[in-house]
Amino acid sequence: MKKPDRLLADKLLEISAVKLQPEMPFVWGSGWNSPIYNDNRRILSYIDVRNFVKVEMSRLILEKYPDAEVVAAVSTSAIPFGTLAADALGLPFIYVRSTPKDHGLENLIEGDLQLGKKVVMVEDIVATGNGSLKAAETIRFSACDVLGGVCVLNYEFPVAVKRLRDADVNVESLCTYDTLVEAAIDIKYIDPSQEKTLKEWRRDPANWVAE
């Protein structure tokens, strides 16, 4: 029987939430060349996949962060997933902005975050780790405790893993890049010969160039 992370990898590929093109790389907003493009917003259009993510994310929070009192989305694209998990768990929900709102109260945190609360963060994708690190800093500055985070997909870039560890920010993942590549090979989405290229990119994505 397939584990939940592998089941999710299959689903992400099936609904084209993930596309792999080692020979014809995409260009990310950061300017990086990338053999993978991920749009988890497509999950929301597929009821079975959306429910799967809601159940598994809620299960992961209960398992890893049983003391969580608040769910916090740390990016705009994570808001629907955080909302789904918070609703399933019966917990308050907040949104942590990457920059203060440019009008009104100039909030960094949207919602009611009370002092001393134990917070679990939600991301849709963890790449550089910047989102989780900035959100953790904001939440801690608000005199609350960051228990850790959960995400739909984690690339597990070595530099990001180290930065999160150094900042004492633990992130649990519903699916990882390695599992995604494994699934893509098994269902013949890509050829096994392309695995080396995909793993080379993950080691140093900022400097990777397709051969």
N, C-alpha and C. Protein backbone atom coordinates (compact mmCIF):
# COMPACT_ATOMS: atom_id res chain seq x y z
N MET A 1 0.84 -1.19 0.00
CA MET A 1 0.00 0.00 0.00
C MET A 1 0.88 1.26 0.00
N LYS A 2 0.52 2.22 -0.82
CA LYS A 2 1.31 3.45 -0.91
C LYS A 2 1.09 4.32 0.33
N LYS A 3 2.16 4.98 0.75
CA LYS A 3 2.08 5.90 1.87
C LYS A 3 1.41 7.22 1.41
N PRO A 4 0.92 8.02 2.37
CA PRO A 4 0.23 9.26 2.00
C PRO A 4 1.07 10.20 1.14
N ASP A 5 2.39 10.29 1.40
CA ASP A 5 3.21 11.20 0.60
C ASP A 5 3.29 10.76 -0.85
N ARG A 6 3.35 9.44 -1.05
CA ARG A 6 3.40 8.94 -2.43
C ARG A 6 2.04 9.08 -3.12
N LEU A 7 0.97 8.87 -2.37
CA LEU A 7 -0.37 9.07 -2.95
C LEU A 7 -0.55 10.51 -3.39
N LEU A 8 -0.07 11.45 -2.57
CA LEU A 8 -0.20 12.86 -2.94
C LEU A 8 0.65 13.18 -4.15
N ALA A 9 1.85 12.62 -4.23
CA ALA A 9 2.71 12.84 -5.40
C ALA A 9 2.01 12.41 -6.67
N ASP A 10 1.38 11.25 -6.63
CA ASP A 10 0.63 10.76 -7.79
C ASP A 10 -0.48 11.73 -8.17
N LYS A 11 -1.19 12.22 -7.17
CA LYS A 11 -2.31 13.13 -7.42
C LYS A 11 -1.83 14.45 -8.00
N LEU A 12 -0.72 14.99 -7.48
CA LEU A 12 -0.20 16.27 -7.98
C LEU A 12 0.20 16.17 -9.45
N LEU A 13 0.78 15.04 -9.81
CA LEU A 13 1.15 14.83 -11.21
C LEU A 13 -0.09 14.62 -12.08
N GLU A 14 -1.06 13.91 -11.56
CA GLU A 14 -2.28 13.60 -12.32
C GLU A 14 -3.06 14.86 -12.67
N ILE A 15 -3.13 15.83 -11.75
CA ILE A 15 -3.93 17.03 -12.00
C ILE A 15 -3.07 18.17 -12.55
N SER A 16 -1.81 17.87 -12.88
CA SER A 16 -0.88 18.86 -13.44
C SER A 16 -0.59 20.01 -12.49
N ALA A 17 -0.69 19.75 -11.19
CA ALA A 17 -0.24 20.74 -10.20
C ALA A 17 1.28 20.80 -10.20
N VAL A 18 1.88 19.74 -10.70
CA VAL A 18 3.34 19.67 -10.86
C VAL A 18 3.65 19.27 -12.29
N LYS A 19 4.60 19.99 -12.90
CA LYS A 19 5.08 19.65 -14.24
C LYS A 19 6.60 19.53 -14.18
N LEU A 20 7.13 18.50 -14.81
CA LEU A 20 8.57 18.26 -14.84
C LEU A 20 9.07 18.32 -16.28
N GLN A 21 10.05 19.19 -16.54
CA GLN A 21 10.62 19.33 -17.88
C GLN A 21 12.14 19.53 -17.75
N PRO A 22 12.89 18.46 -17.47
CA PRO A 22 14.35 18.59 -17.30
C PRO A 22 15.06 19.17 -18.51
N GLU A 23 14.58 18.85 -19.72
CA GLU A 23 15.25 19.33 -20.93
C GLU A 23 14.78 20.73 -21.37
N MET A 24 13.60 21.12 -20.91
CA MET A 24 13.05 22.44 -21.26
C MET A 24 12.64 23.15 -19.97
N PRO A 25 13.62 23.62 -19.20
CA PRO A 25 13.34 24.16 -17.87
C PRO A 25 12.48 25.42 -17.87
N PHE A 26 11.78 25.58 -16.78
CA PHE A 26 11.00 26.79 -16.54
C PHE A 26 11.93 27.84 -15.93
N VAL A 27 11.48 29.08 -15.89
CA VAL A 27 12.22 30.14 -15.21
C VAL A 27 11.34 30.66 -14.08
N TRP A 28 11.82 30.53 -12.85
CA TRP A 28 11.07 31.01 -11.70
C TRP A 28 11.16 32.52 -11.60
N GLY A 29 10.30 33.10 -10.77
CA GLY A 29 10.33 34.53 -10.55
C GLY A 29 11.66 35.01 -10.01
N SER A 30 12.37 34.13 -9.32
CA SER A 30 13.68 34.45 -8.76
C SER A 30 14.75 34.53 -9.83
N GLY A 31 14.40 34.06 -11.05
CA GLY A 31 15.39 34.01 -12.13
C GLY A 31 16.06 32.66 -12.25
N TRP A 32 15.79 31.75 -11.31
CA TRP A 32 16.39 30.41 -11.36
C TRP A 32 15.81 29.61 -12.52
N ASN A 33 16.66 28.84 -13.18
CA ASN A 33 16.19 27.83 -14.13
C ASN A 33 15.73 26.62 -13.31
N SER A 34 14.61 26.06 -13.69
CA SER A 34 14.06 24.96 -12.90
C SER A 34 13.41 23.91 -13.80
N PRO A 35 13.69 22.62 -13.52
CA PRO A 35 13.04 21.56 -14.29
C PRO A 35 11.63 21.25 -13.79
N ILE A 36 11.20 21.97 -12.74
CA ILE A 36 9.89 21.69 -12.16
C ILE A 36 9.09 22.97 -12.01
N TYR A 37 7.79 22.86 -12.25
CA TYR A 37 6.88 23.97 -12.00
C TYR A 37 5.73 23.44 -11.16
N ASN A 38 5.43 24.14 -10.08
CA ASN A 38 4.42 23.67 -9.14
C ASN A 38 3.36 24.74 -8.92
N ASP A 39 2.10 24.40 -9.13
CA ASP A 39 1.00 25.31 -8.89
C ASP A 39 -0.04 24.57 -8.05
N ASN A 40 0.11 24.66 -6.72
CA ASN A 40 -0.79 23.93 -5.83
C ASN A 40 -2.20 24.51 -5.80
N ARG A 41 -2.41 25.67 -6.41
CA ARG A 41 -3.76 26.22 -6.46
C ARG A 41 -4.69 25.31 -7.26
N ARG A 42 -4.13 24.51 -8.14
CA ARG A 42 -4.95 23.56 -8.90
C ARG A 42 -5.62 22.53 -7.99
N ILE A 43 -5.01 22.27 -6.85
CA ILE A 43 -5.59 21.32 -5.90
C ILE A 43 -7.01 21.73 -5.53
N LEU A 44 -7.23 23.02 -5.41
CA LEU A 44 -8.52 23.52 -4.94
C LEU A 44 -9.65 23.21 -5.90
N SER A 45 -9.34 22.95 -7.16
CA SER A 45 -10.36 22.66 -8.17
C SER A 45 -10.77 21.20 -8.21
N TYR A 46 -10.04 20.35 -7.48
CA TYR A 46 -10.31 18.91 -7.49
C TYR A 46 -10.72 18.49 -6.08
N ILE A 47 -12.00 18.20 -5.91
CA ILE A 47 -12.56 17.96 -4.58
C ILE A 47 -11.85 16.83 -3.86
N ASP A 48 -11.56 15.72 -4.55
CA ASP A 48 -10.94 14.59 -3.88
C ASP A 48 -9.52 14.91 -3.43
N VAL A 49 -8.78 15.64 -4.26
CA VAL A 49 -7.41 16.00 -3.90
C VAL A 49 -7.42 17.04 -2.78
N ARG A 50 -8.33 18.00 -2.88
CA ARG A 50 -8.46 19.03 -1.84
C ARG A 50 -8.78 18.40 -0.49
N ASN A 51 -9.72 17.46 -0.48
CA ASN A 51 -10.07 16.78 0.76
C ASN A 51 -8.92 15.93 1.29
N PHE A 52 -8.18 15.31 0.38
CA PHE A 52 -7.02 14.51 0.78
C PHE A 52 -6.00 15.39 1.50
N VAL A 53 -5.71 16.56 0.91
CA VAL A 53 -4.74 17.48 1.52
C VAL A 53 -5.26 17.98 2.87
N LYS A 54 -6.55 18.30 2.95
CA LYS A 54 -7.12 18.78 4.21
C LYS A 54 -6.98 17.73 5.32
N VAL A 55 -7.31 16.49 4.99
CA VAL A 55 -7.24 15.42 5.99
C VAL A 55 -5.80 15.14 6.41
N GLU A 56 -4.91 15.04 5.43
CA GLU A 56 -3.52 14.71 5.74
C GLU A 56 -2.81 15.85 6.47
N MET A 57 -3.12 17.09 6.09
CA MET A 57 -2.50 18.22 6.79
C MET A 57 -3.00 18.29 8.23
N SER A 58 -4.27 18.07 8.42
CA SER A 58 -4.83 18.07 9.77
C SER A 58 -4.24 16.94 10.60
N ARG A 59 -4.11 15.77 10.00
CA ARG A 59 -3.52 14.63 10.70
C ARG A 59 -2.08 14.93 11.11
N LEU A 60 -1.32 15.54 10.20
CA LEU A 60 0.08 15.85 10.47
C LEU A 60 0.22 16.86 11.60
N ILE A 61 -0.65 17.85 11.62
CA ILE A 61 -0.63 18.84 12.70
C ILE A 61 -0.94 18.18 14.04
N LEU A 62 -1.97 17.34 14.06
CA LEU A 62 -2.33 16.64 15.30
C LEU A 62 -1.19 15.74 15.78
N GLU A 63 -0.52 15.10 14.84
CA GLU A 63 0.54 14.15 15.18
C GLU A 63 1.81 14.86 15.64
N LYS A 64 2.22 15.91 14.92
CA LYS A 64 3.49 16.57 15.21
C LYS A 64 3.38 17.76 16.16
N TYR A 65 2.20 18.42 16.14
CA TYR A 65 2.03 19.62 16.96
C TYR A 65 0.70 19.55 17.72
N PRO A 66 0.56 18.57 18.61
CA PRO A 66 -0.72 18.38 19.31
C PRO A 66 -1.14 19.55 20.19
N ASP A 67 -0.18 20.43 20.53
CA ASP A 67 -0.50 21.56 21.41
C ASP A 67 -0.87 22.82 20.62
N ALA A 68 -0.96 22.72 19.31
CA ALA A 68 -1.25 23.90 18.48
C ALA A 68 -2.58 24.55 18.89
N GLU A 69 -2.54 25.88 18.99
CA GLU A 69 -3.73 26.65 19.34
C GLU A 69 -4.19 27.58 18.22
N VAL A 70 -3.30 27.83 17.26
CA VAL A 70 -3.61 28.71 16.14
C VAL A 70 -2.92 28.19 14.89
N VAL A 71 -3.60 28.28 13.75
CA VAL A 71 -3.02 27.93 12.44
C VAL A 71 -2.73 29.23 11.70
N ALA A 72 -1.50 29.34 11.18
CA ALA A 72 -1.10 30.57 10.49
C ALA A 72 -0.62 30.28 9.08
N ALA A 73 -1.26 30.86 8.08
CA ALA A 73 -0.76 30.77 6.71
C ALA A 73 0.36 31.79 6.56
N VAL A 74 1.44 31.41 5.86
CA VAL A 74 2.59 32.31 5.76
C VAL A 74 2.83 32.80 4.33
N SER A 75 1.86 32.58 3.47
CA SER A 75 1.90 33.13 2.12
C SER A 75 0.46 33.18 1.61
N THR A 76 0.22 34.03 0.63
CA THR A 76 -1.14 34.15 0.09
C THR A 76 -1.63 32.80 -0.45
N SER A 77 -0.75 32.07 -1.13
CA SER A 77 -1.15 30.79 -1.71
C SER A 77 -1.39 29.71 -0.66
N ALA A 78 -0.95 29.97 0.58
CA ALA A 78 -1.16 28.99 1.65
C ALA A 78 -2.46 29.24 2.40
N ILE A 79 -3.10 30.38 2.15
CA ILE A 79 -4.32 30.72 2.89
C ILE A 79 -5.41 29.65 2.78
N PRO A 80 -5.73 29.15 1.56
CA PRO A 80 -6.79 28.14 1.50
C PRO A 80 -6.45 26.86 2.24
N PHE A 81 -5.18 26.43 2.20
CA PHE A 81 -4.79 25.20 2.88
C PHE A 81 -4.80 25.38 4.39
N GLY A 82 -4.34 26.55 4.84
CA GLY A 82 -4.38 26.83 6.26
C GLY A 82 -5.80 26.92 6.78
N THR A 83 -6.67 27.54 5.97
CA THR A 83 -8.08 27.66 6.36
C THR A 83 -8.74 26.29 6.46
N LEU A 84 -8.46 25.43 5.49
CA LEU A 84 -9.03 24.08 5.50
C LEU A 84 -8.60 23.32 6.75
N ALA A 85 -7.30 23.41 7.08
CA ALA A 85 -6.78 22.69 8.24
C ALA A 85 -7.36 23.26 9.54
N ALA A 86 -7.40 24.58 9.64
CA ALA A 86 -7.92 25.21 10.85
C ALA A 86 -9.38 24.84 11.07
N ASP A 87 -10.14 24.81 9.97
CA ASP A 87 -11.55 24.46 10.08
C ASP A 87 -11.73 23.01 10.52
N ALA A 88 -10.94 22.13 9.94
CA ALA A 88 -11.03 20.71 10.30
C ALA A 88 -10.64 20.47 11.76
N LEU A 89 -9.68 21.26 12.26
CA LEU A 89 -9.19 21.07 13.62
C LEU A 89 -9.94 21.92 14.64
N GLY A 90 -10.80 22.82 14.16
CA GLY A 90 -11.53 23.68 15.07
C GLY A 90 -10.64 24.69 15.76
N LEU A 91 -9.66 25.23 15.01
CA LEU A 91 -8.70 26.19 15.56
C LEU A 91 -8.83 27.55 14.88
N PRO A 92 -8.44 28.63 15.59
CA PRO A 92 -8.42 29.95 14.96
C PRO A 92 -7.41 29.98 13.82
N PHE A 93 -7.65 30.90 12.87
CA PHE A 93 -6.77 31.02 11.71
C PHE A 93 -6.29 32.47 11.58
N ILE A 94 -5.00 32.64 11.23
CA ILE A 94 -4.45 33.96 10.94
C ILE A 94 -3.61 33.87 9.67
N TYR A 95 -3.30 35.03 9.14
CA TYR A 95 -2.43 35.13 7.96
C TYR A 95 -1.29 36.07 8.27
N VAL A 96 -0.05 35.61 8.06
CA VAL A 96 1.13 36.43 8.31
C VAL A 96 1.63 36.97 6.98
N ARG A 97 1.61 38.29 6.84
CA ARG A 97 2.07 38.92 5.61
C ARG A 97 3.60 38.92 5.52
N SER A 98 4.11 38.91 4.29
CA SER A 98 5.56 39.00 4.09
C SER A 98 6.05 40.43 4.30
N THR A 99 5.17 41.40 4.02
CA THR A 99 5.45 42.82 4.26
C THR A 99 4.20 43.46 4.84
N PRO A 100 4.34 44.55 5.61
CA PRO A 100 3.16 45.18 6.21
C PRO A 100 2.20 45.69 5.14
N LYS A 101 0.92 45.67 5.45
CA LYS A 101 -0.08 46.24 4.56
C LYS A 101 0.25 47.72 4.35
N ASP A 102 0.09 48.21 3.12
CA ASP A 102 0.51 49.57 2.81
C ASP A 102 -0.56 50.62 3.08
N HIS A 103 -1.61 50.23 3.82
CA HIS A 103 -2.64 51.20 4.17
C HIS A 103 -3.32 50.76 5.46
N GLY A 104 -4.20 51.57 5.96
CA GLY A 104 -4.91 51.22 7.19
C GLY A 104 -3.98 51.09 8.38
N LEU A 105 -4.06 49.95 9.06
CA LEU A 105 -3.26 49.72 10.26
C LEU A 105 -1.87 49.18 9.96
N GLU A 106 -1.58 48.96 8.68
CA GLU A 106 -0.28 48.43 8.25
C GLU A 106 0.06 47.12 8.96
N ASN A 107 -0.92 46.24 9.02
CA ASN A 107 -0.75 44.98 9.73
C ASN A 107 0.25 44.05 9.05
N LEU A 108 1.00 43.33 9.88
CA LEU A 108 1.80 42.21 9.39
C LEU A 108 1.02 40.92 9.61
N ILE A 109 0.18 40.89 10.62
CA ILE A 109 -0.64 39.72 10.94
C ILE A 109 -2.11 40.09 10.77
N GLU A 110 -2.81 39.33 9.93
CA GLU A 110 -4.24 39.52 9.73
C GLU A 110 -5.00 38.49 10.55
N GLY A 111 -5.92 38.97 11.36
CA GLY A 111 -6.65 38.09 12.25
C GLY A 111 -6.32 38.46 13.69
N ASP A 112 -6.82 37.68 14.61
CA ASP A 112 -6.64 37.98 16.04
C ASP A 112 -5.68 36.97 16.65
N LEU A 113 -4.42 37.38 16.81
CA LEU A 113 -3.41 36.53 17.45
C LEU A 113 -3.17 37.04 18.86
N GLN A 114 -3.64 36.29 19.83
CA GLN A 114 -3.51 36.69 21.22
C GLN A 114 -2.15 36.29 21.79
N LEU A 115 -1.69 37.04 22.77
CA LEU A 115 -0.38 36.82 23.37
C LEU A 115 -0.25 35.41 23.94
N GLY A 116 0.93 34.83 23.73
CA GLY A 116 1.24 33.55 24.35
C GLY A 116 0.70 32.31 23.66
N LYS A 117 0.06 32.49 22.51
CA LYS A 117 -0.53 31.35 21.81
C LYS A 117 0.55 30.49 21.14
N LYS A 118 0.24 29.20 20.99
CA LYS A 118 1.14 28.26 20.32
C LYS A 118 0.67 28.11 18.88
N VAL A 119 1.55 28.46 17.95
CA VAL A 119 1.16 28.59 16.54
C VAL A 119 1.85 27.54 15.66
N VAL A 120 1.08 26.97 14.75
CA VAL A 120 1.65 26.11 13.71
C VAL A 120 1.46 26.82 12.38
N MET A 121 2.53 26.90 11.61
CA MET A 121 2.50 27.62 10.33
C MET A 121 2.16 26.66 9.18
N VAL A 122 1.52 27.20 8.14
CA VAL A 122 1.17 26.42 6.96
C VAL A 122 1.72 27.11 5.71
N GLU A 123 2.42 26.35 4.88
CA GLU A 123 2.89 26.83 3.57
C GLU A 123 2.42 25.86 2.52
N ASP A 124 2.25 26.34 1.28
CA ASP A 124 1.93 25.38 0.22
C ASP A 124 3.22 24.78 -0.33
N ILE A 125 4.27 25.61 -0.52
CA ILE A 125 5.56 25.12 -1.02
C ILE A 125 6.68 25.70 -0.17
N VAL A 126 7.63 24.87 0.21
CA VAL A 126 8.84 25.35 0.87
C VAL A 126 9.99 25.19 -0.10
N ALA A 127 10.57 26.31 -0.50
CA ALA A 127 11.72 26.30 -1.40
C ALA A 127 12.93 26.87 -0.65
N THR A 128 13.09 28.19 -0.66
CA THR A 128 14.21 28.82 0.04
C THR A 128 14.03 28.82 1.55
N GLY A 129 12.79 28.69 2.00
CA GLY A 129 12.51 28.75 3.44
C GLY A 129 12.27 30.16 3.94
N ASN A 130 12.40 31.17 3.06
CA ASN A 130 12.25 32.56 3.48
C ASN A 130 10.89 32.84 4.11
N GLY A 131 9.85 32.28 3.50
CA GLY A 131 8.50 32.54 4.01
C GLY A 131 8.33 32.08 5.45
N SER A 132 8.76 30.86 5.73
CA SER A 132 8.63 30.31 7.08
C SER A 132 9.49 31.07 8.07
N LEU A 133 10.70 31.44 7.65
CA LEU A 133 11.61 32.15 8.54
C LEU A 133 11.07 33.53 8.91
N LYS A 134 10.57 34.28 7.92
CA LYS A 134 10.02 35.61 8.18
C LYS A 134 8.77 35.52 9.05
N ALA A 135 7.91 34.55 8.76
CA ALA A 135 6.68 34.40 9.53
C ALA A 135 6.99 34.01 10.97
N ALA A 136 7.95 33.11 11.15
CA ALA A 136 8.33 32.68 12.50
C ALA A 136 8.84 33.88 13.31
N GLU A 137 9.64 34.72 12.66
CA GLU A 137 10.17 35.90 13.34
C GLU A 137 9.04 36.85 13.75
N THR A 138 8.08 37.04 12.85
CA THR A 138 6.95 37.93 13.15
C THR A 138 6.10 37.38 14.29
N ILE A 139 5.83 36.09 14.26
CA ILE A 139 5.00 35.47 15.30
C ILE A 139 5.71 35.52 16.65
N ARG A 140 6.99 35.23 16.65
CA ARG A 140 7.75 35.27 17.90
C ARG A 140 7.82 36.70 18.45
N PHE A 141 7.94 37.67 17.57
CA PHE A 141 7.97 39.07 17.99
C PHE A 141 6.64 39.47 18.63
N SER A 142 5.58 38.75 18.25
CA SER A 142 4.25 39.01 18.81
C SER A 142 4.03 38.26 20.12
N ALA A 143 5.13 37.79 20.70
CA ALA A 143 5.09 37.09 22.00
C ALA A 143 4.29 35.79 21.95
N CYS A 144 4.41 35.09 20.83
CA CYS A 144 3.78 33.78 20.70
C CYS A 144 4.83 32.73 20.39
N ASP A 145 4.46 31.49 20.56
CA ASP A 145 5.39 30.37 20.39
C ASP A 145 5.15 29.70 19.04
N VAL A 146 6.21 29.56 18.24
CA VAL A 146 6.12 28.86 16.96
C VAL A 146 6.47 27.38 17.19
N LEU A 147 5.48 26.53 17.07
CA LEU A 147 5.72 25.10 17.26
C LEU A 147 6.45 24.51 16.06
N GLY A 148 6.18 25.05 14.88
CA GLY A 148 6.77 24.53 13.65
C GLY A 148 5.83 24.80 12.50
N GLY A 149 6.03 24.08 11.41
CA GLY A 149 5.20 24.30 10.24
C GLY A 149 4.88 23.01 9.50
N VAL A 150 3.92 23.11 8.60
CA VAL A 150 3.59 22.01 7.69
C VAL A 150 3.45 22.61 6.29
N CYS A 151 3.76 21.82 5.28
CA CYS A 151 3.63 22.31 3.90
C CYS A 151 3.12 21.19 3.01
N VAL A 152 2.59 21.57 1.87
CA VAL A 152 2.12 20.59 0.90
C VAL A 152 3.30 19.92 0.21
N LEU A 153 4.25 20.74 -0.29
CA LEU A 153 5.42 20.21 -0.99
C LEU A 153 6.68 20.90 -0.51
N ASN A 154 7.71 20.11 -0.24
CA ASN A 154 8.99 20.64 0.24
C ASN A 154 10.09 20.20 -0.72
N TYR A 155 10.80 21.18 -1.29
CA TYR A 155 11.91 20.84 -2.18
C TYR A 155 13.12 20.33 -1.41
N GLU A 156 13.22 20.68 -0.14
CA GLU A 156 14.33 20.26 0.72
C GLU A 156 15.69 20.64 0.13
N PHE A 157 15.80 21.89 -0.35
CA PHE A 157 17.09 22.39 -0.78
C PHE A 157 18.03 22.38 0.42
N PRO A 158 19.27 21.89 0.27
CA PRO A 158 20.20 21.82 1.40
C PRO A 158 20.35 23.14 2.14
N VAL A 159 20.44 24.25 1.39
CA VAL A 159 20.63 25.54 2.05
C VAL A 159 19.40 25.93 2.86
N ALA A 160 18.20 25.58 2.37
CA ALA A 160 16.98 25.90 3.09
C ALA A 160 16.84 25.04 4.34
N VAL A 161 17.18 23.76 4.22
CA VAL A 161 17.12 22.85 5.37
C VAL A 161 18.01 23.37 6.50
N LYS A 162 19.21 23.83 6.14
CA LYS A 162 20.15 24.34 7.14
C LYS A 162 19.63 25.63 7.78
N ARG A 163 19.12 26.54 6.96
CA ARG A 163 18.62 27.81 7.49
C ARG A 163 17.46 27.61 8.46
N LEU A 164 16.56 26.73 8.11
CA LEU A 164 15.42 26.46 8.99
C LEU A 164 15.88 25.80 10.29
N ARG A 165 16.80 24.87 10.17
CA ARG A 165 17.32 24.19 11.36
C ARG A 165 18.04 25.17 12.28
N ASP A 166 18.86 26.05 11.70
CA ASP A 166 19.59 27.04 12.49
C ASP A 166 18.66 27.99 13.22
N ALA A 167 17.50 28.26 12.62
CA ALA A 167 16.52 29.17 13.23
C ALA A 167 15.54 28.44 14.13
N ASP A 168 15.76 27.14 14.32
CA ASP A 168 14.90 26.31 15.15
C ASP A 168 13.45 26.33 14.66
N VAL A 169 13.31 26.20 13.34
CA VAL A 169 11.98 26.13 12.73
C VAL A 169 11.85 24.77 12.04
N ASN A 170 11.04 23.91 12.62
CA ASN A 170 10.82 22.58 12.04
C ASN A 170 9.66 22.64 11.06
N VAL A 171 9.84 22.02 9.89
CA VAL A 171 8.77 21.99 8.89
C VAL A 171 8.51 20.54 8.48
N GLU A 172 7.28 20.10 8.66
CA GLU A 172 6.85 18.77 8.24
C GLU A 172 6.19 18.88 6.86
N SER A 173 6.34 17.86 6.03
CA SER A 173 5.88 17.93 4.65
C SER A 173 4.89 16.82 4.31
N LEU A 174 3.85 17.18 3.56
CA LEU A 174 2.95 16.15 3.05
C LEU A 174 3.61 15.38 1.92
N CYS A 175 4.46 16.08 1.14
CA CYS A 175 5.16 15.44 0.03
C CYS A 175 6.51 16.13 -0.15
N THR A 176 7.52 15.38 -0.54
CA THR A 176 8.85 15.95 -0.78
C THR A 176 9.23 15.80 -2.25
N TYR A 177 10.23 16.54 -2.63
CA TYR A 177 10.72 16.52 -4.01
C TYR A 177 11.17 15.12 -4.41
N ASP A 178 11.90 14.44 -3.53
CA ASP A 178 12.38 13.09 -3.83
C ASP A 178 11.23 12.13 -4.11
N THR A 179 10.18 12.23 -3.29
CA THR A 179 9.00 11.37 -3.48
C THR A 179 8.33 11.69 -4.80
N LEU A 180 8.29 12.95 -5.16
CA LEU A 180 7.67 13.38 -6.42
C LEU A 180 8.43 12.82 -7.62
N VAL A 181 9.76 12.89 -7.56
CA VAL A 181 10.58 12.35 -8.65
C VAL A 181 10.40 10.84 -8.76
N GLU A 182 10.37 10.18 -7.63
CA GLU A 182 10.15 8.73 -7.61
C GLU A 182 8.83 8.36 -8.25
N ALA A 183 7.78 9.10 -7.91
CA ALA A 183 6.46 8.84 -8.47
C ALA A 183 6.45 9.08 -9.97
N ALA A 184 7.10 10.16 -10.40
CA ALA A 184 7.13 10.50 -11.82
C ALA A 184 7.81 9.42 -12.65
N ILE A 185 8.84 8.80 -12.08
CA ILE A 185 9.52 7.70 -12.77
C ILE A 185 8.64 6.46 -12.81
N ASP A 186 8.00 6.15 -11.69
CA ASP A 186 7.17 4.94 -11.60
C ASP A 186 5.99 4.97 -12.56
N ILE A 187 5.39 6.15 -12.74
CA ILE A 187 4.22 6.23 -13.63
C ILE A 187 4.62 6.59 -15.06
N LYS A 188 5.95 6.62 -15.28
CA LYS A 188 6.51 6.89 -16.63
C LYS A 188 6.18 8.31 -17.11
N TYR A 189 6.06 9.22 -16.17
CA TYR A 189 5.90 10.64 -16.51
C TYR A 189 7.22 11.16 -17.06
N ILE A 190 8.33 10.67 -16.49
CA ILE A 190 9.67 10.99 -16.98
C ILE A 190 10.44 9.69 -17.13
N ASP A 191 11.55 9.75 -17.84
CA ASP A 191 12.41 8.59 -18.02
C ASP A 191 13.39 8.48 -16.86
N PRO A 192 13.72 7.26 -16.42
CA PRO A 192 14.67 7.09 -15.31
C PRO A 192 16.00 7.80 -15.55
N SER A 193 16.39 7.95 -16.80
CA SER A 193 17.65 8.61 -17.12
C SER A 193 17.65 10.09 -16.72
N GLN A 194 16.46 10.67 -16.49
CA GLN A 194 16.36 12.08 -16.15
C GLN A 194 16.48 12.33 -14.64
N GLU A 195 16.50 11.26 -13.87
CA GLU A 195 16.57 11.40 -12.42
C GLU A 195 17.84 12.13 -11.98
N LYS A 196 18.97 11.82 -12.58
CA LYS A 196 20.23 12.45 -12.21
C LYS A 196 20.15 13.97 -12.39
N THR A 197 19.60 14.41 -13.51
CA THR A 197 19.46 15.84 -13.77
C THR A 197 18.58 16.52 -12.72
N LEU A 198 17.48 15.87 -12.39
CA LEU A 198 16.55 16.43 -11.42
C LEU A 198 17.19 16.56 -10.04
N LYS A 199 18.02 15.61 -9.66
CA LYS A 199 18.66 15.66 -8.35
C LYS A 199 19.83 16.63 -8.34
N GLU A 200 20.49 16.79 -9.47
CA GLU A 200 21.57 17.79 -9.56
C GLU A 200 21.00 19.19 -9.37
N TRP A 201 19.84 19.45 -9.96
CA TRP A 201 19.20 20.75 -9.80
C TRP A 201 18.90 21.03 -8.33
N ARG A 202 18.38 20.06 -7.63
CA ARG A 202 18.00 20.25 -6.23
C ARG A 202 19.21 20.59 -5.36
N ARG A 203 20.39 20.08 -5.71
CA ARG A 203 21.58 20.35 -4.91
C ARG A 203 22.01 21.81 -4.99
N ASP A 204 21.83 22.46 -6.15
CA ASP A 204 22.28 23.84 -6.32
C ASP A 204 21.37 24.55 -7.33
N PRO A 205 20.12 24.80 -6.96
CA PRO A 205 19.14 25.35 -7.90
C PRO A 205 19.48 26.74 -8.42
N ALA A 206 20.18 27.53 -7.63
CA ALA A 206 20.47 28.91 -8.04
C ALA A 206 21.43 28.97 -9.22
N ASN A 207 22.28 27.94 -9.36
CA ASN A 207 23.32 27.96 -10.40
C ASN A 207 23.13 26.88 -11.46
N TRP A 208 22.02 26.15 -11.39
CA TRP A 208 21.82 25.03 -12.31
C TRP A 208 21.47 25.52 -13.71
N VAL A 209 22.05 24.86 -14.70
CA VAL A 209 21.76 25.14 -16.10
C VAL A 209 21.50 23.81 -16.80
N ALA A 210 20.42 23.72 -17.57
CA ALA A 210 20.09 22.49 -18.27
C ALA A 210 21.17 22.16 -19.29
N GLU A 211 21.52 20.88 -19.38
CA GLU A 211 22.54 20.46 -20.34
C GLU A 211 21.91 20.25 -21.71
